[in-house]
Protein backbone atom coordinates (compact mmCIF):
# COMPACT_ATOMS: atom_id res chain seq x y z
CA UNK A 1 51.68 175.40 112.58
CA UNK A 2 55.41 174.84 111.63
CA UNK A 3 57.78 176.43 114.05
CA UNK A 4 61.10 176.60 113.64
CA UNK A 5 62.83 176.02 116.41
CA UNK A 6 66.92 176.01 116.83
CA UNK A 7 68.51 174.55 119.25
CA UNK A 8 71.14 177.97 121.04
CA UNK A 9 67.60 179.12 120.80
CA UNK A 10 66.01 177.22 124.09
CA UNK A 11 67.02 178.30 127.01
CA UNK A 12 65.85 175.97 129.90
CA UNK A 13 64.97 178.74 132.58
CA UNK A 14 62.59 180.03 129.81
CA UNK A 15 60.81 177.15 129.47
CA UNK A 16 60.78 175.62 132.63
CA UNK A 17 58.86 179.57 133.55
CA UNK A 18 56.76 179.22 130.84
CA UNK A 19 55.59 175.14 132.14
CA UNK A 20 55.23 177.05 135.19
CA UNK A 21 52.86 180.27 134.02
CA UNK A 22 51.02 177.01 131.81
CA UNK A 23 50.37 175.18 135.04
CA UNK A 24 49.33 177.81 137.17
CA UNK A 25 46.92 178.79 134.17
CA UNK A 26 45.62 176.44 133.94
CA UNK A 27 45.10 175.43 138.11
CA UNK A 28 43.37 179.35 138.23
CA UNK A 29 40.93 178.90 134.96
CA UNK A 30 40.03 174.87 136.59
CA UNK A 31 39.66 176.17 139.75
CA UNK A 32 37.23 179.81 138.83
CA UNK A 33 35.36 177.09 136.60
CA UNK A 34 36.22 178.74 133.06
CA UNK A 35 37.69 174.49 132.69
CA UNK A 36 36.61 171.83 133.84
CA UNK A 37 38.95 168.56 134.69
CA UNK A 38 37.95 166.83 130.71
CA UNK A 39 38.67 170.23 128.79
CA UNK A 40 41.92 170.43 130.18
CA UNK A 41 43.16 167.00 129.96
CA UNK A 42 41.72 167.45 126.10
CA UNK A 43 43.92 170.65 125.81
CA UNK A 44 47.21 169.40 127.50
CA UNK A 45 46.88 165.30 126.28
CA UNK A 46 49.14 165.90 123.50
CA UNK A 47 52.04 167.77 126.19
CA UNK A 48 50.67 165.34 128.81
CA UNK A 49 52.29 161.89 127.28
CA UNK A 50 54.88 163.83 124.18
CA UNK A 51 57.71 162.93 126.30
CA UNK A 52 59.58 160.24 126.04
CA UNK A 53 57.24 158.94 124.11
CA UNK A 54 58.44 160.45 120.57
CA UNK A 55 62.09 160.48 119.08
CA UNK A 56 63.25 162.36 116.19
CA UNK A 57 65.31 160.41 114.04
CA UNK A 58 67.88 162.73 112.35
CA UNK A 59 69.65 160.11 110.25
CA UNK A 60 65.60 160.57 108.16
CA UNK A 61 64.97 164.66 108.77
CA UNK A 62 66.17 167.08 105.55
CA UNK A 63 67.83 170.38 105.82
CA UNK A 64 65.15 173.44 106.00
CA UNK A 65 67.91 175.16 104.15
């Protein structure tokens, strides 16, 4: 899936709220037994380890326009 995000469209509060909703949904899925801890770990693996470990090299990026 390709997605282009324009920086000025990002609202930090909306991002924070979306993350909190996702955390609550994961917790409810775990508590209800709909998902196991292993399932949630697999689903969230990329997001859990991406921050701080990935960098975007804008010098080598090409314009989308």
